Every structure is written in C-alpha cells, then in structure tokens.
Amino acid sequence: MTGETERDDAAPPPSERGDANGEVATEVGFEGPAVVSVDEPIDLAITDVSVETVDIRVSLTDRRGRDWEADATYDVSGDTLDLDAATSTDSEVTGGVTELVQRSTPVAGSDPFEPERDGDDLTVRVERDGAALGSTTIERRFGGGDVTSESVDGESFVGRIYEPPGSDPKPGVVVLHGSDGQSADGIAQLLASHGFTALAVQYFDWRGEYERLPAELVGVPLEFVAAAVERVLDRDGVRGPDVGLFGTSKGGELALLAGSRLESVGPVVSVNGSGVVWAGISRREFPPGPSWTVDGEPVPYLPYTDDRSVWDVQPPMEMEPGYSQSLEDADDETIAAATIPVESITGPVLLVSGGADRMWDSEELHRIAAERLECHDCDYEQLVYPDAGHAITVPYLPTENRERTAQFVMGGSAAGYAEADGDHWPRVLETLETLRT
C-alpha cells in the first residue's frame, strides 16, 4: 500500500529566504509515502532543514467539506527531522504525522469527522514563525486502488462486495452495520485491501430507498445473514468453508447472534455490541417489537423498561441509562432467553468495548458473552478501552468531537478513541486471518 515517490516539491533547487529572525532558511524536502491506506501510520521525514525549530501543520477535508487541522512544533537536530521518531517541543505529540491527524480539530463547527469513502488528501506544511518552508500532499485511501467492487442485490438485503486483486483464493467476510442503517463500506474496503473478499450489507432502510427492506430495525429476518454468507461463499475465488462476520453496535449484536446459529460462520468480531438480544429500534412506536425474526417468529429479546424517566428523549440523547435499567428490570427467565449462545460460534470471537460507552454499556453486555465463552473454554478475547465510547472505528482518523453527535451522546474522549482505534484494528485483522488456516 505504501510507496516512495520522487516528489515534485523536492525537485527544484531550494530557494533561500530570510525568516523572522533574519536567518536564511531553505525550502525543505520530504521523504515518505505518496499514497497510504487510512489504517496505515505515516512515516514522513523532513529533509534539508536549515533551521533549529519548525512548525508542522497537517490539514484534511471531510465528506461534508469541513477543514480539519492540527499543528506541533519540533526541534531539529541536524538537517533531517524524522517525524515518526520525534517528540514535539511541548512533549504532547509523540506519533508524528499520524498522531497529528488524530488530533486534528475542525476549523469551524463541533461535529465529528465524517470520512469520504474514497479517502482524503492530507497536506503537511512546514513553517517557521509563520513563513512557509514547504509542503507535500499524501493521498489516504480506504484500501488500495487495486481493490474492485460491485453492487450485490439479494432478496433480503442490498450491499456492495469488495475484492482484492490476485487469483489466489481469498477468505470472505460479511460486514454488518449498526442502527444508523448505513452500510459499512469503508470497513469492507479496508478488509479487501488486507486480502479479504468483504460484503458490506444493508438490511433495513429508514430512508425508504429500497422497498424490499424493512423501514426500521424491527422484525428484520435473520435469514438475510445466511443469504449474505452464501453469496460470499458462492463467489469465484472465495475460499471456504467458512466466512467471518464483523459488526458494530447492533451489528455486533447481530454478528454474535448469527454466528451462533450458522455453521458456515467462523470468526466473529463485535465492536461495541451486545451478548444479549434487545428489542428493535423504531422512530414510530414505543415499545417496538423484536429486532430479529427467524421463520417469521421473533427471536427472544430484552424489552425496554417501562420507566420512561430513564429515557433521554431530547437530543443529544444518552441511551445507556435506559438500556441499563431495562437489563436490571428484566427477570432471569427473560434474560436467559435473550442471551446469545455464543459458545456455538465455531471460530474465535473478538469483543471490543468502550468503557465509557453512553449508548449502552457494551463492556457489561459483552461481558455476558465473555462469561459464556469462558465457561465453554472457547477461543475469545475481550478488549476494553476505558476512555473510549460507542464510536470506535478504524485507526488514524480525527477523533475530536466523537463523544456526542447532534442526536446521541456516544461517550469517551478524543484521546481514548485514538488509543482504541489504533489498538483494536490489528486484533480485528488477526481474528479474521484465522480464516486462512
């Protein structure tokens, strides 16, 4: 994914100009990648530096056209600054350009970063006392340019399948979105860049674009997961006999549930999901019906508490108190019926939780699954990031403003998300890599 290039910005002879202190500064050069995947750290060195201190400024633009920036000051020893190995003068930044990207904040507004599915152009500027010494642009992609994709239409789902290059058999993964109802194409693209054939599915549609899909996350037929799995396995070049499931939030709950029921599912990854099945999510009625059905019958679930005082209905809504009270109010028989038999999953299980999750207590809800897996001596790992909330995602995106959106309180902190994003993603890949053995 990463490639060195001869950069146009380093080709001309350096120009000399005076800085604010009267010293002569020359235009700097750059050594590093021209293109990276968003989940790759950026190793960039600044060369031909003739001053003792420089300011490094990064900038990028998100899907909504908002500009994001971060900067740090570095001392230079010699004529080269290796940003990946350097620490800022205030000792705050130790991860170079990669950490600066994560620390970026919006020039205007307070919403979280929304990545373009095709990635972004990252500009790195070198300055001294406001005077520009040079700049370079790095293209960041959600996966490689050699990943191909096409739409897939099933009777109970729609989606897009992403395939890596090459003729060798590839393991397959089905990627399940959460209650936002938006297919997780970015994750599927990244998985394809790591050698998986990945199908990002959409299984309900509150926007009303697909008539054959449920309009809300209520009564969604579980058979769609089986159909998606079979669609992947039937794909030319996909190795069987199993596929992996990856899901976030309600998709994490669904991944655990479907994995426990389908023999053709191997490894399962649940990010901020749940080891128990919950009621559906409806904008039209409360309480809603079941989230999932099998053969038209509801999958047993935990209903929401009747105590309306614990439900925060004014945006941004904090949903965790309502879910926690619902779990506390449920009787043992109801909880037992709604608990997912995760010990039936045939592959390894990865449970990822934010310890400060304010949508629901995913740490506790995953612990229910972990205890069953432990009792049955299953292959699993539970990762908990104390300062992350419900918005854990792929690494090396800006993390500012994730703790709340206009509609929901997600919890966590910018630093907590930076740690969780970067640490959990390699574990995701390792878990799914077991499909190759």
Protein backbone atom coordinates (compact mmCIF):
# COMPACT_ATOMS: atom_id res chain seq x y z
CA MET A 1 0.00 0.00 0.00
CA THR A 2 2.80 2.43 0.78
CA GLY A 3 5.11 3.72 -1.94
CA GLU A 4 8.03 6.13 -2.13
CA THR A 5 7.97 8.66 -4.95
CA GLU A 6 10.18 11.33 -6.43
CA ARG A 7 8.30 14.40 -5.32
CA ASP A 8 7.95 17.49 -7.47
CA ASP A 9 8.21 19.66 -4.36
CA ALA A 10 11.73 18.34 -3.70
CA ALA A 11 12.97 18.51 -7.30
CA PRO A 12 13.72 22.25 -7.82
CA PRO A 13 16.83 23.78 -6.28
CA PRO A 14 15.94 25.10 -2.81
CA SER A 15 15.11 28.79 -2.66
CA GLU A 16 16.63 30.95 0.03
CA ARG A 17 14.68 33.47 2.05
CA GLY A 18 15.01 35.16 5.38
CA ASP A 19 12.90 34.09 8.36
CA ALA A 20 11.57 36.33 11.11
CA ASN A 21 14.89 36.18 12.96
CA GLY A 22 16.94 37.22 9.97
CA GLU A 23 18.34 33.71 9.43
CA VAL A 24 18.46 32.23 5.96
CA ALA A 25 16.03 29.31 5.52
CA THR A 26 15.92 26.96 2.53
CA GLU A 27 12.96 25.07 1.14
CA VAL A 28 12.74 21.65 2.75
CA GLY A 29 12.32 18.26 1.12
CA PHE A 30 10.18 15.27 2.05
CA GLU A 31 10.86 11.55 2.26
CA GLY A 32 7.82 9.35 2.71
CA PRO A 33 4.82 7.79 1.02
CA ALA A 34 2.74 9.45 -1.66
CA VAL A 35 -0.19 7.10 -1.03
CA VAL A 36 -1.22 5.23 2.13
CA SER A 37 -4.27 3.42 3.42
CA VAL A 38 -6.07 5.31 6.18
CA ASP A 39 -5.29 2.47 8.59
CA GLU A 40 -1.53 2.77 7.98
CA PRO A 41 0.70 5.04 10.05
CA ILE A 42 2.55 7.69 8.04
CA ASP A 43 6.33 7.65 8.27
CA LEU A 44 7.46 11.04 6.98
CA ALA A 45 10.84 12.74 7.26
CA ILE A 46 11.58 16.41 6.53
CA THR A 47 14.96 16.85 4.84
CA ASP A 48 17.22 19.81 4.01
CA VAL A 49 16.19 21.65 7.16
CA SER A 50 18.38 24.68 7.84
CA VAL A 51 16.68 25.99 10.98
CA GLU A 52 16.65 24.66 14.53
CA THR A 53 12.87 24.71 15.09
CA VAL A 54 9.94 24.10 12.73
CA ASP A 55 6.17 24.03 12.96
CA ILE A 56 4.44 21.08 11.31
CA ARG A 57 0.82 21.66 10.28
CA VAL A 58 -1.49 18.97 8.87
CA SER A 59 -4.81 19.62 7.17
CA LEU A 60 -7.51 17.49 5.55
CA THR A 61 -11.14 17.82 4.49
CA ASP A 62 -14.01 15.53 5.44
CA ARG A 63 -17.02 14.32 3.48
CA ARG A 64 -19.04 17.42 4.36
CA GLY A 65 -16.35 19.74 3.07
CA ARG A 66 -15.15 20.84 6.52
CA ASP A 67 -11.47 21.56 7.01
CA TRP A 68 -9.58 19.92 9.88
CA GLU A 69 -6.15 20.98 11.15
CA ALA A 70 -3.52 20.29 13.78
CA ASP A 71 -0.01 21.55 14.35
CA ALA A 72 3.01 20.98 16.57
CA THR A 73 6.47 22.46 16.99
CA TYR A 74 9.65 20.37 16.77
CA ASP A 75 13.30 20.99 17.43
CA VAL A 76 15.61 19.85 14.63
CA SER A 77 18.95 18.21 15.24
CA GLY A 78 20.98 18.20 12.04
CA ASP A 79 19.29 18.74 8.68
CA THR A 80 16.62 15.98 8.86
CA LEU A 81 13.54 15.67 11.06
CA ASP A 82 12.16 12.12 11.26
CA LEU A 83 8.65 12.90 12.46
CA ASP A 84 7.82 9.30 13.29
CA ALA A 85 10.66 9.23 15.86
CA ALA A 86 10.37 12.83 17.07
CA THR A 87 8.56 14.39 20.03
CA SER A 88 7.06 17.87 19.88
CA THR A 89 8.69 20.57 21.98
CA ASP A 90 5.79 20.52 24.44
CA SER A 91 6.07 16.69 24.67
CA GLU A 92 2.41 16.35 23.68
CA VAL A 93 2.85 14.69 20.28
CA THR A 94 4.95 11.53 20.04
CA GLY A 95 3.40 9.89 16.97
CA GLY A 96 4.38 12.31 14.24
CA VAL A 97 2.03 12.98 11.32
CA THR A 98 -0.21 10.05 12.23
CA GLU A 99 -0.92 11.44 15.69
CA LEU A 100 -1.41 14.94 14.31
CA VAL A 101 -4.12 13.58 12.02
CA GLN A 102 -5.88 12.01 15.01
CA ARG A 103 -5.53 15.27 16.97
CA SER A 104 -6.95 17.40 14.14
CA THR A 105 -9.88 19.64 15.00
CA PRO A 106 -12.41 21.31 12.70
CA VAL A 107 -11.68 24.87 11.66
CA ALA A 108 -15.39 25.53 12.17
CA GLY A 109 -18.19 23.55 13.83
CA SER A 110 -18.31 20.89 16.53
CA ASP A 111 -19.43 17.75 14.67
CA PRO A 112 -17.26 14.63 14.40
CA PHE A 113 -15.13 13.88 11.35
CA GLU A 114 -17.01 12.15 8.53
CA PRO A 115 -14.60 10.37 6.19
CA GLU A 116 -15.04 10.18 2.46
CA ARG A 117 -15.36 6.57 1.33
CA ASP A 118 -12.64 7.22 -1.23
CA GLY A 119 -10.32 8.70 1.43
CA ASP A 120 -8.77 12.13 1.69
CA ASP A 121 -5.79 14.24 0.69
CA LEU A 122 -3.58 15.05 3.67
CA THR A 123 -1.46 18.18 3.36
CA VAL A 124 1.65 18.52 5.53
CA ARG A 125 3.13 22.01 5.77
CA VAL A 126 6.45 23.00 7.29
CA GLU A 127 6.65 26.54 8.68
CA ARG A 128 8.96 28.73 10.73
CA ASP A 129 7.42 31.71 12.54
CA GLY A 130 4.59 31.78 10.00
CA ALA A 131 6.86 31.56 6.97
CA ALA A 132 6.27 28.52 4.73
CA LEU A 133 9.30 26.28 4.17
CA GLY A 134 7.50 23.69 2.04
CA SER A 135 4.52 21.38 1.83
CA THR A 136 3.55 17.97 0.49
CA THR A 137 0.29 16.10 -0.04
CA ILE A 138 -0.30 12.44 0.82
CA GLU A 139 -3.27 10.58 -0.61
CA ARG A 140 -5.02 8.46 2.02
CA ARG A 141 -7.34 5.74 0.73
CA PHE A 142 -9.85 3.37 2.24
CA GLY A 143 -7.98 0.42 0.87
CA GLY A 144 -5.82 0.15 -2.22
CA GLY A 145 -6.53 1.41 -5.68
CA ASP A 146 -6.39 -2.19 -6.88
CA VAL A 147 -9.47 -3.18 -4.83
CA THR A 148 -12.52 -3.67 -7.04
CA SER A 149 -16.18 -3.59 -6.07
CA GLU A 150 -19.67 -4.15 -7.42
CA SER A 151 -23.19 -3.91 -6.08
CA VAL A 152 -24.95 -7.03 -4.85
CA ASP A 153 -28.72 -7.35 -4.58
CA GLY A 154 -30.31 -10.10 -2.52
CA GLU A 155 -33.92 -10.80 -1.74
CA SER A 156 -33.50 -9.61 1.85
CA PHE A 157 -30.50 -7.29 1.63
CA VAL A 158 -28.59 -4.95 -0.63
CA GLY A 159 -24.89 -4.37 -0.49
CA ARG A 160 -21.56 -3.96 -2.15
CA ILE A 161 -18.80 -6.55 -2.36
CA TYR A 162 -15.13 -5.57 -2.33
CA GLU A 163 -12.43 -7.83 -3.70
CA PRO A 164 -8.64 -7.74 -3.52
CA PRO A 165 -6.51 -8.37 -6.59
CA GLY A 166 -4.93 -11.72 -7.44
CA SER A 167 -6.15 -15.16 -8.35
CA ASP A 168 -5.38 -16.96 -5.09
CA PRO A 169 -8.43 -18.00 -3.01
CA LYS A 170 -9.47 -15.26 -0.57
CA PRO A 171 -11.30 -15.61 2.77
CA GLY A 172 -14.69 -13.94 2.92
CA VAL A 173 -16.22 -11.56 5.46
CA VAL A 174 -19.73 -10.12 5.83
CA VAL A 175 -19.76 -6.63 7.36
CA LEU A 176 -22.85 -5.62 9.37
CA HIS A 177 -23.75 -2.00 10.12
CA GLY A 178 -25.40 -0.66 13.25
CA SER A 179 -28.65 1.13 14.00
CA ASP A 180 -27.73 4.08 11.77
CA GLY A 181 -28.80 1.93 8.83
CA GLN A 182 -25.79 2.82 6.68
CA SER A 183 -23.73 0.01 5.17
CA ALA A 184 -20.13 -0.02 6.43
CA ASP A 185 -18.45 0.28 3.04
CA GLY A 186 -15.27 1.87 4.39
CA ILE A 187 -14.57 -1.10 6.65
CA ALA A 188 -15.29 -3.55 3.82
CA GLN A 189 -12.89 -1.65 1.53
CA LEU A 190 -10.15 -1.80 4.15
CA LEU A 191 -10.69 -5.50 4.72
CA ALA A 192 -10.40 -6.07 0.97
CA SER A 193 -7.09 -4.19 0.97
CA HIS A 194 -5.91 -6.73 3.55
CA GLY A 195 -6.79 -9.66 1.31
CA PHE A 196 -10.43 -10.44 2.23
CA THR A 197 -13.44 -10.55 -0.05
CA ALA A 198 -15.78 -8.37 2.02
CA LEU A 199 -19.50 -7.81 1.57
CA ALA A 200 -20.95 -4.71 3.23
CA VAL A 201 -24.69 -5.27 3.54
CA GLN A 202 -27.63 -3.04 4.31
CA TYR A 203 -30.53 -4.83 5.93
CA PHE A 204 -33.01 -2.09 6.83
CA ASP A 205 -33.66 1.28 5.26
CA TRP A 206 -35.25 4.13 7.16
CA ARG A 207 -34.67 6.43 4.17
CA GLY A 208 -37.10 4.44 2.04
CA GLU A 209 -34.76 3.84 -0.90
CA TYR A 210 -35.31 0.07 -1.02
CA GLU A 211 -38.89 -1.15 -0.81
CA ARG A 212 -37.93 -4.77 -0.08
CA LEU A 213 -36.02 -3.85 3.08
CA PRO A 214 -37.67 -3.20 6.45
CA ALA A 215 -38.12 0.51 7.04
CA GLU A 216 -36.82 0.24 10.60
CA LEU A 217 -34.71 -2.06 12.74
CA VAL A 218 -37.77 -4.05 13.76
CA GLY A 219 -38.57 -7.61 12.67
CA VAL A 220 -35.51 -7.93 10.42
CA PRO A 221 -35.38 -11.52 9.10
CA LEU A 222 -32.20 -13.24 10.30
CA GLU A 223 -32.26 -15.26 7.11
CA PHE A 224 -30.65 -12.31 5.33
CA VAL A 225 -27.33 -13.04 7.08
CA ALA A 226 -27.42 -16.63 5.84
CA ALA A 227 -28.15 -15.36 2.33
CA ALA A 228 -25.27 -12.87 2.51
CA VAL A 229 -22.90 -15.57 3.77
CA GLU A 230 -23.89 -17.89 0.94
CA ARG A 231 -23.50 -15.09 -1.60
CA VAL A 232 -19.90 -14.61 -0.44
CA LEU A 233 -19.13 -18.33 -0.40
CA ASP A 234 -20.56 -18.72 -3.92
CA ARG A 235 -18.26 -16.00 -5.21
CA ASP A 236 -15.49 -17.18 -7.52
CA GLY A 237 -12.15 -17.06 -5.75
CA VAL A 238 -13.54 -17.21 -2.20
CA ARG A 239 -12.18 -20.00 -0.05
CA GLY A 240 -14.49 -21.84 2.31
CA PRO A 241 -15.93 -23.48 4.12
CA ASP A 242 -16.49 -20.54 6.50
CA VAL A 243 -16.74 -16.77 6.35
CA GLY A 244 -16.20 -14.22 9.08
CA LEU A 245 -18.69 -11.74 10.50
CA PHE A 246 -17.82 -8.20 11.54
CA GLY A 247 -20.41 -5.96 13.19
CA THR A 248 -20.59 -2.73 15.14
CA SER A 249 -23.21 -1.75 17.75
CA LYS A 250 -26.47 -3.50 16.79
CA GLY A 251 -24.46 -5.09 14.01
CA GLY A 252 -22.17 -6.51 16.71
CA GLU A 253 -25.18 -8.00 18.48
CA LEU A 254 -26.32 -9.39 15.13
CA ALA A 255 -22.87 -10.82 14.31
CA LEU A 256 -22.81 -12.77 17.59
CA LEU A 257 -26.40 -13.96 17.13
CA ALA A 258 -25.97 -15.05 13.51
CA GLY A 259 -22.60 -16.61 14.24
CA SER A 260 -24.17 -18.74 16.95
CA ARG A 261 -26.76 -20.07 14.50
CA LEU A 262 -24.89 -20.53 11.22
CA GLU A 263 -22.44 -23.40 10.71
CA SER A 264 -20.85 -21.57 7.78
CA VAL A 265 -19.63 -18.74 10.05
CA GLY A 266 -16.17 -18.96 11.57
CA PRO A 267 -14.62 -15.95 13.36
CA VAL A 268 -16.85 -13.18 14.69
CA VAL A 269 -15.91 -9.60 15.60
CA SER A 270 -18.30 -7.50 17.67
CA VAL A 271 -17.39 -3.84 18.25
CA ASN A 272 -19.50 -2.20 20.98
CA GLY A 273 -22.09 -4.92 20.51
CA SER A 274 -24.11 -6.99 22.96
CA GLY A 275 -24.20 -10.56 24.25
CA VAL A 276 -27.97 -10.33 24.67
CA VAL A 277 -30.61 -9.61 22.06
CA TRP A 278 -32.52 -6.37 22.51
CA ALA A 279 -35.84 -5.09 21.27
CA GLY A 280 -35.91 -3.31 17.94
CA ILE A 281 -35.42 0.38 17.31
CA SER A 282 -38.35 2.36 15.95
CA ARG A 283 -38.99 6.02 15.32
CA ARG A 284 -42.70 5.36 15.09
CA GLU A 285 -43.70 3.40 18.16
CA PHE A 286 -42.58 2.65 21.69
CA PRO A 287 -42.13 -0.02 22.76
CA PRO A 288 -41.11 -1.56 19.43
CA GLY A 289 -41.25 -5.23 18.51
CA PRO A 290 -38.31 -7.61 18.13
CA SER A 291 -35.12 -6.68 16.34
CA TRP A 292 -34.83 -10.03 14.57
CA THR A 293 -37.06 -12.86 13.38
CA VAL A 294 -36.46 -16.43 12.22
CA ASP A 295 -39.08 -18.08 10.00
CA GLY A 296 -41.29 -15.11 10.80
CA GLU A 297 -41.09 -15.69 14.55
CA PRO A 298 -39.44 -13.21 16.93
CA VAL A 299 -36.02 -14.05 18.30
CA PRO A 300 -36.37 -13.75 22.12
CA TYR A 301 -35.25 -10.32 23.28
CA LEU A 302 -35.00 -7.99 26.24
CA PRO A 303 -37.80 -5.43 26.21
CA TYR A 304 -37.21 -1.83 27.18
CA THR A 305 -38.15 -0.72 30.67
CA ASP A 306 -41.49 0.98 31.26
CA ASP A 307 -39.74 3.61 33.39
CA ARG A 308 -39.84 6.47 30.93
CA SER A 309 -37.85 8.73 33.25
CA VAL A 310 -34.60 6.94 32.33
CA TRP A 311 -35.02 7.54 28.61
CA ASP A 312 -33.49 10.79 27.46
CA VAL A 313 -35.69 11.88 24.56
CA GLN A 314 -34.12 15.28 23.93
CA PRO A 315 -31.15 15.28 21.56
CA PRO A 316 -28.38 14.62 22.06
CA MET A 317 -29.89 11.54 23.71
CA GLU A 318 -27.95 9.46 26.23
CA MET A 319 -29.36 5.95 25.84
CA GLU A 320 -27.20 3.99 28.29
CA PRO A 321 -29.37 4.64 31.41
CA GLY A 322 -32.41 3.24 29.61
CA TYR A 323 -30.62 0.10 28.48
CA SER A 324 -29.05 -0.49 31.89
CA GLN A 325 -32.37 -0.04 33.66
CA SER A 326 -34.01 -2.40 31.18
CA LEU A 327 -31.43 -5.07 31.96
CA GLU A 328 -31.93 -4.54 35.69
CA ASP A 329 -35.73 -4.73 35.39
CA ALA A 330 -35.77 -7.93 33.32
CA ASP A 331 -36.40 -11.22 35.12
CA ASP A 332 -33.94 -14.10 34.96
CA GLU A 333 -36.06 -16.13 32.57
CA THR A 334 -36.28 -13.27 30.06
CA ILE A 335 -32.54 -12.59 30.28
CA ALA A 336 -31.74 -16.26 29.80
CA ALA A 337 -33.95 -16.48 26.71
CA ALA A 338 -32.40 -13.34 25.21
CA THR A 339 -28.79 -14.32 25.94
CA ILE A 340 -26.94 -15.32 22.79
CA PRO A 341 -25.43 -18.86 22.91
CA VAL A 342 -22.07 -17.58 21.72
CA GLU A 343 -20.39 -20.84 22.68
CA SER A 344 -21.92 -22.25 19.47
CA ILE A 345 -19.74 -19.97 17.33
CA THR A 346 -17.19 -22.24 15.65
CA GLY A 347 -14.40 -19.68 15.22
CA PRO A 348 -12.60 -17.25 17.51
CA VAL A 349 -14.58 -14.32 18.91
CA LEU A 350 -13.29 -10.79 19.41
CA LEU A 351 -15.28 -8.48 21.70
CA VAL A 352 -14.31 -4.79 21.58
CA SER A 353 -15.85 -2.29 24.00
CA GLY A 354 -15.52 1.32 25.00
CA GLY A 355 -15.53 1.56 28.79
CA ALA A 356 -17.19 4.99 28.55
CA ASP A 357 -19.91 3.88 26.10
CA ARG A 358 -23.01 6.04 26.69
CA MET A 359 -25.23 4.45 24.04
CA TRP A 360 -25.35 1.21 26.01
CA ASP A 361 -22.95 -0.43 28.44
CA SER A 362 -21.16 -2.51 25.82
CA GLU A 363 -18.49 -3.54 28.31
CA GLU A 364 -21.10 -5.21 30.53
CA LEU A 365 -23.14 -6.52 27.59
CA HIS A 366 -20.03 -8.08 26.08
CA ARG A 367 -19.05 -9.49 29.46
CA ILE A 368 -22.22 -11.60 29.32
CA ALA A 369 -20.89 -13.16 26.12
CA ALA A 370 -17.35 -13.43 27.52
CA GLU A 371 -18.53 -15.37 30.56
CA ARG A 372 -20.30 -17.95 28.38
CA LEU A 373 -17.27 -18.26 26.12
CA GLU A 374 -15.01 -18.68 29.17
CA CYS A 375 -17.24 -21.36 30.69
CA HIS A 376 -17.14 -23.37 27.48
CA ASP A 377 -13.38 -22.91 27.02
CA CYS A 378 -13.90 -21.10 23.72
CA ASP A 379 -11.33 -19.07 21.81
CA TYR A 380 -12.14 -15.43 22.53
CA GLU A 381 -10.69 -12.09 23.57
CA GLN A 382 -12.42 -9.13 25.20
CA LEU A 383 -10.80 -5.74 24.73
CA VAL A 384 -11.97 -2.80 26.83
CA TYR A 385 -10.77 0.76 26.29
CA PRO A 386 -11.70 2.75 29.41
CA ASP A 387 -11.70 6.20 27.80
CA ALA A 388 -13.43 5.29 24.52
CA GLY A 389 -17.16 5.43 23.93
CA HIS A 390 -19.55 4.00 21.35
CA ALA A 391 -17.79 5.45 18.28
CA ILE A 392 -14.72 3.21 17.96
CA THR A 393 -13.75 2.88 14.32
CA VAL A 394 -10.78 2.24 12.03
CA PRO A 395 -7.50 3.88 13.02
CA TYR A 396 -5.91 7.18 12.11
CA LEU A 397 -8.97 9.35 11.59
CA PRO A 398 -9.54 12.56 13.61
CA THR A 399 -11.12 11.71 16.96
CA GLU A 400 -12.24 15.15 18.16
CA ASN A 401 -16.00 15.67 18.81
CA ARG A 402 -16.87 11.97 18.74
CA GLU A 403 -18.20 11.99 22.29
CA ARG A 404 -21.52 13.36 21.04
CA THR A 405 -23.35 13.91 17.79
CA ALA A 406 -26.31 16.16 17.13
CA GLN A 407 -28.58 13.23 18.02
CA PHE A 408 -26.73 10.99 20.52
CA VAL A 409 -24.25 11.05 23.38
CA MET A 410 -21.60 8.49 22.43
CA GLY A 411 -19.25 8.93 25.40
CA GLY A 412 -15.49 8.74 25.55
CA SER A 413 -12.73 11.23 24.84
CA ALA A 414 -10.62 12.12 21.80
CA ALA A 415 -7.53 10.54 23.35
CA GLY A 416 -9.50 7.44 24.34
CA TYR A 417 -10.75 6.94 20.79
CA ALA A 418 -7.25 7.42 19.36
CA GLU A 419 -5.98 4.60 21.56
CA ALA A 420 -8.92 2.31 20.87
CA ASP A 421 -8.93 2.84 17.10
CA GLY A 422 -5.23 2.12 16.71
CA ASP A 423 -5.04 -0.79 19.14
CA HIS A 424 -8.13 -2.82 18.26
CA TRP A 425 -7.83 -2.83 14.45
CA PRO A 426 -4.80 -5.15 14.23
CA ARG A 427 -6.66 -7.55 16.55
CA VAL A 428 -9.62 -7.48 14.16
CA LEU A 429 -7.36 -8.47 11.28
CA GLU A 430 -5.69 -11.20 13.34
CA THR A 431 -9.07 -12.67 14.28
CA LEU A 432 -10.30 -12.74 10.68
CA GLU A 433 -6.94 -14.08 9.46
CA THR A 434 -7.83 -17.38 11.13
CA LEU A 435 -9.99 -18.00 8.05
CA ARG A 436 -6.76 -18.72 6.17
CA THR A 437 -5.75 -21.62 8.43
